[in-house]
Amino acid sequence: MIKIYNTLTRRLEVFKPIEEGKVKMYVCGPTVYNYIHIGNARPAIFFDTVRRYFEYRDYKVTYVQNFTDVDDKMIEKAKVEGVTVKDIADKYISAYLEDTKKNKS
């Protein structure tokens, strides 16, 4: 039995998936205006651990993470670097994915 704290009810409750044997996770990802730091590494590590635990418990997990790709910090960074906001997003999304990919060795 898995118990999870429900912030809505403010109680520890038994986890019951909407679909038997399946878990769908939507995780808010980083705002990509710079390289990864402890603030956006923590959720990546935490939710990856949760995902792995559900898989260990034989759930089929669908894991989705977004990127905030328009933000005041990004607009300012684009101005400073003389590029577009899309350029900033692409650069730091690539860096984030590289920094968080599985170690193959």
C-alpha atoms as a PDB file:
ATOM      1  CA  MET A   1       0.000   0.000   0.000  1.00  0.00           C
ATOM      2  CA  ILE A   2       1.291   3.446  -0.938  1.00  0.00           C
ATOM      3  CA  LYS A   3       0.214   6.481   1.080  1.00  0.00           C
ATOM      4  CA  ILE A   4       0.521  10.038  -0.205  1.00  0.00           C
ATOM      5  CA  TYR A   5      -0.185  13.326   1.526  1.00  0.00           C
ATOM      6  CA  ASN A   6      -3.177  15.012  -0.135  1.00  0.00           C
ATOM      7  CA  THR A   7      -2.724  18.784   0.147  1.00  0.00           C
ATOM      8  CA  LEU A   8      -6.409  19.340  -0.693  1.00  0.00           C
ATOM      9  CA  THR A   9      -7.739  17.241   2.207  1.00  0.00           C
ATOM     10  CA  ARG A  10      -4.624  17.764   4.359  1.00  0.00           C
ATOM     11  CA  ARG A  11      -4.514  14.055   5.101  1.00  0.00           C
ATOM     12  CA  LEU A  12      -2.309  11.070   4.417  1.00  0.00           C
ATOM     13  CA  GLU A  13      -4.342   8.881   2.059  1.00  0.00           C
ATOM     14  CA  VAL A  14      -3.979   5.509   0.381  1.00  0.00           C
ATOM     15  CA  PHE A  15      -2.899   6.030  -3.234  1.00  0.00           C
ATOM     16  CA  LYS A  16      -5.542   4.839  -5.715  1.00  0.00           C
ATOM     17  CA  PRO A  17      -4.716   5.427  -9.391  1.00  0.00           C
ATOM     18  CA  ILE A  18      -7.470   6.605 -11.729  1.00  0.00           C
ATOM     19  CA  GLU A  19      -6.661   3.637 -13.989  1.00  0.00           C
ATOM     20  CA  GLU A  20      -5.685   0.367 -12.353  1.00  0.00           C
ATOM     21  CA  GLY A  21      -1.955  -0.293 -12.711  1.00  0.00           C
ATOM     22  CA  LYS A  22      -1.229   3.078 -14.365  1.00  0.00           C
ATOM     23  CA  VAL A  23       0.135   6.358 -13.056  1.00  0.00           C
ATOM     24  CA  LYS A  24       0.218   9.610 -14.999  1.00  0.00           C
ATOM     25  CA  MET A  25       2.579  12.274 -13.664  1.00  0.00           C
ATOM     26  CA  TYR A  26       2.664  15.876 -14.888  1.00  0.00           C
ATOM     27  CA  VAL A  27       5.597  17.744 -13.387  1.00  0.00           C
ATOM     28  CA  CYS A  28       6.289  21.451 -13.667  1.00  0.00           C
ATOM     29  CA  GLY A  29       9.788  21.817 -15.071  1.00  0.00           C
ATOM     30  CA  PRO A  30      12.303  24.652 -14.953  1.00  0.00           C
ATOM     31  CA  THR A  31      12.207  28.149 -16.367  1.00  0.00           C
ATOM     32  CA  VAL A  32      15.027  27.854 -18.885  1.00  0.00           C
ATOM     33  CA  TYR A  33      16.919  31.148 -18.665  1.00  0.00           C
ATOM     34  CA  ASN A  34      20.211  29.718 -17.417  1.00  0.00           C
ATOM     35  CA  TYR A  35      21.999  26.466 -16.633  1.00  0.00           C
ATOM     36  CA  ILE A  36      20.559  23.992 -14.130  1.00  0.00           C
ATOM     37  CA  HIS A  37      20.900  24.927 -10.459  1.00  0.00           C
ATOM     38  CA  ILE A  38      19.796  23.390  -7.164  1.00  0.00           C
ATOM     39  CA  GLY A  39      16.376  25.050  -7.392  1.00  0.00           C
ATOM     40  CA  ASN A  40      15.442  23.252 -10.618  1.00  0.00           C
ATOM     41  CA  ALA A  41      17.522  20.141  -9.960  1.00  0.00           C
ATOM     42  CA  ARG A  42      15.592  19.272  -6.802  1.00  0.00           C
ATOM     43  CA  PRO A  43      12.224  18.668  -8.522  1.00  0.00           C
ATOM     44  CA  ALA A  44      13.938  16.733 -11.325  1.00  0.00           C
ATOM     45  CA  ILE A  45      15.573  14.418  -8.788  1.00  0.00           C
ATOM     46  CA  PHE A  46      12.549  14.149  -6.503  1.00  0.00           C
ATOM     47  CA  PHE A  47       9.961  13.379  -9.186  1.00  0.00           C
ATOM     48  CA  ASP A  48      12.315  10.974 -10.974  1.00  0.00           C
ATOM     49  CA  THR A  49      12.610   9.100  -7.676  1.00  0.00           C
ATOM     50  CA  VAL A  50       8.813   9.029  -7.299  1.00  0.00           C
ATOM     51  CA  ARG A  51       8.480   7.796 -10.904  1.00  0.00           C
ATOM     52  CA  ARG A  52      11.031   5.034 -10.288  1.00  0.00           C
ATOM     53  CA  TYR A  53       9.250   3.965  -7.120  1.00  0.00           C
ATOM     54  CA  PHE A  54       5.932   3.630  -8.945  1.00  0.00           C
ATOM     55  CA  GLU A  55       7.685   1.587 -11.640  1.00  0.00           C
ATOM     56  CA  TYR A  56       9.283  -0.567  -8.930  1.00  0.00           C
ATOM     57  CA  ARG A  57       5.767  -1.179  -7.617  1.00  0.00           C
ATOM     58  CA  ASP A  58       4.814  -2.397 -11.141  1.00  0.00           C
ATOM     59  CA  TYR A  59       2.829   0.631 -12.268  1.00  0.00           C
ATOM     60  CA  LYS A  60       3.004   1.676 -15.931  1.00  0.00           C
ATOM     61  CA  VAL A  61       4.076   5.315 -15.606  1.00  0.00           C
ATOM     62  CA  THR A  62       3.490   8.122 -18.071  1.00  0.00           C
ATOM     63  CA  TYR A  63       5.803  10.980 -17.040  1.00  0.00           C
ATOM     64  CA  VAL A  64       5.463  14.442 -18.588  1.00  0.00           C
ATOM     65  CA  GLN A  65       7.525  17.486 -17.661  1.00  0.00           C
ATOM     66  CA  ASN A  66       7.139  20.959 -19.105  1.00  0.00           C
ATOM     67  CA  PHE A  67       9.519  23.866 -19.560  1.00  0.00           C
ATOM     68  CA  THR A  68       8.556  27.461 -18.875  1.00  0.00           C
ATOM     69  CA  ASP A  69       9.801  29.006 -22.091  1.00  0.00           C
ATOM     70  CA  VAL A  70       8.509  32.584 -21.806  1.00  0.00           C
ATOM     71  CA  ASP A  71       9.259  34.515 -18.645  1.00  0.00           C
ATOM     72  CA  ASP A  72      10.610  37.935 -17.626  1.00  0.00           C
ATOM     73  CA  LYS A  73      13.973  36.369 -16.737  1.00  0.00           C
ATOM     74  CA  MET A  74      14.185  34.877 -20.222  1.00  0.00           C
ATOM     75  CA  ILE A  75      13.194  38.126 -21.912  1.00  0.00           C
ATOM     76  CA  GLU A  76      15.905  39.976 -19.978  1.00  0.00           C
ATOM     77  CA  LYS A  77      18.518  37.284 -20.754  1.00  0.00           C
ATOM     78  CA  ALA A  78      17.646  37.500 -24.465  1.00  0.00           C
ATOM     79  CA  LYS A  79      18.101  41.291 -24.407  1.00  0.00           C
ATOM     80  CA  VAL A  80      21.464  41.001 -22.627  1.00  0.00           C
ATOM     81  CA  GLU A  81      22.713  38.339 -25.069  1.00  0.00           C
ATOM     82  CA  GLY A  82      21.200  40.033 -28.141  1.00  0.00           C
ATOM     83  CA  VAL A  83      19.212  36.952 -29.206  1.00  0.00           C
ATOM     84  CA  THR A  84      15.573  35.876 -29.251  1.00  0.00           C
ATOM     85  CA  VAL A  85      13.697  34.347 -26.331  1.00  0.00           C
ATOM     86  CA  LYS A  86      13.390  31.173 -28.431  1.00  0.00           C
ATOM     87  CA  ASP A  87      17.195  31.072 -28.770  1.00  0.00           C
ATOM     88  CA  ILE A  88      17.509  31.294 -24.971  1.00  0.00           C
ATOM     89  CA  ALA A  89      14.868  28.578 -24.471  1.00  0.00           C
ATOM     90  CA  ASP A  90      16.467  26.238 -27.004  1.00  0.00           C
ATOM     91  CA  LYS A  91      19.956  26.718 -25.554  1.00  0.00           C
ATOM     92  CA  TYR A  92      18.992  26.068 -21.935  1.00  0.00           C
ATOM     93  CA  ILE A  93      16.486  23.289 -22.659  1.00  0.00           C
ATOM     94  CA  SER A  94      19.295  21.448 -24.463  1.00  0.00           C
ATOM     95  CA  ALA A  95      21.656  22.074 -21.545  1.00  0.00           C
ATOM     96  CA  TYR A  96      19.031  20.928 -19.012  1.00  0.00           C
ATOM     97  CA  LEU A  97      18.329  17.723 -20.916  1.00  0.00           C
ATOM     98  CA  GLU A  98      22.060  17.027 -21.237  1.00  0.00           C
ATOM     99  CA  ASP A  99      22.618  17.624 -17.523  1.00  0.00           C
ATOM    100  CA  THR A 100      19.705  15.410 -16.455  1.00  0.00           C
ATOM    101  CA  LYS A 101      20.040  12.515 -18.911  1.00  0.00           C
ATOM    102  CA  LYS A 102      20.743   9.023 -17.640  1.00  0.00           C
ATOM    103  CA  ASN A 103      24.378   8.104 -17.221  1.00  0.00           C
ATOM    104  CA  LYS A 104      25.000   5.316 -19.741  1.00  0.00           C
ATOM    105  CA  SER A 105      28.281   4.134 -18.189  1.00  0.00           C
END
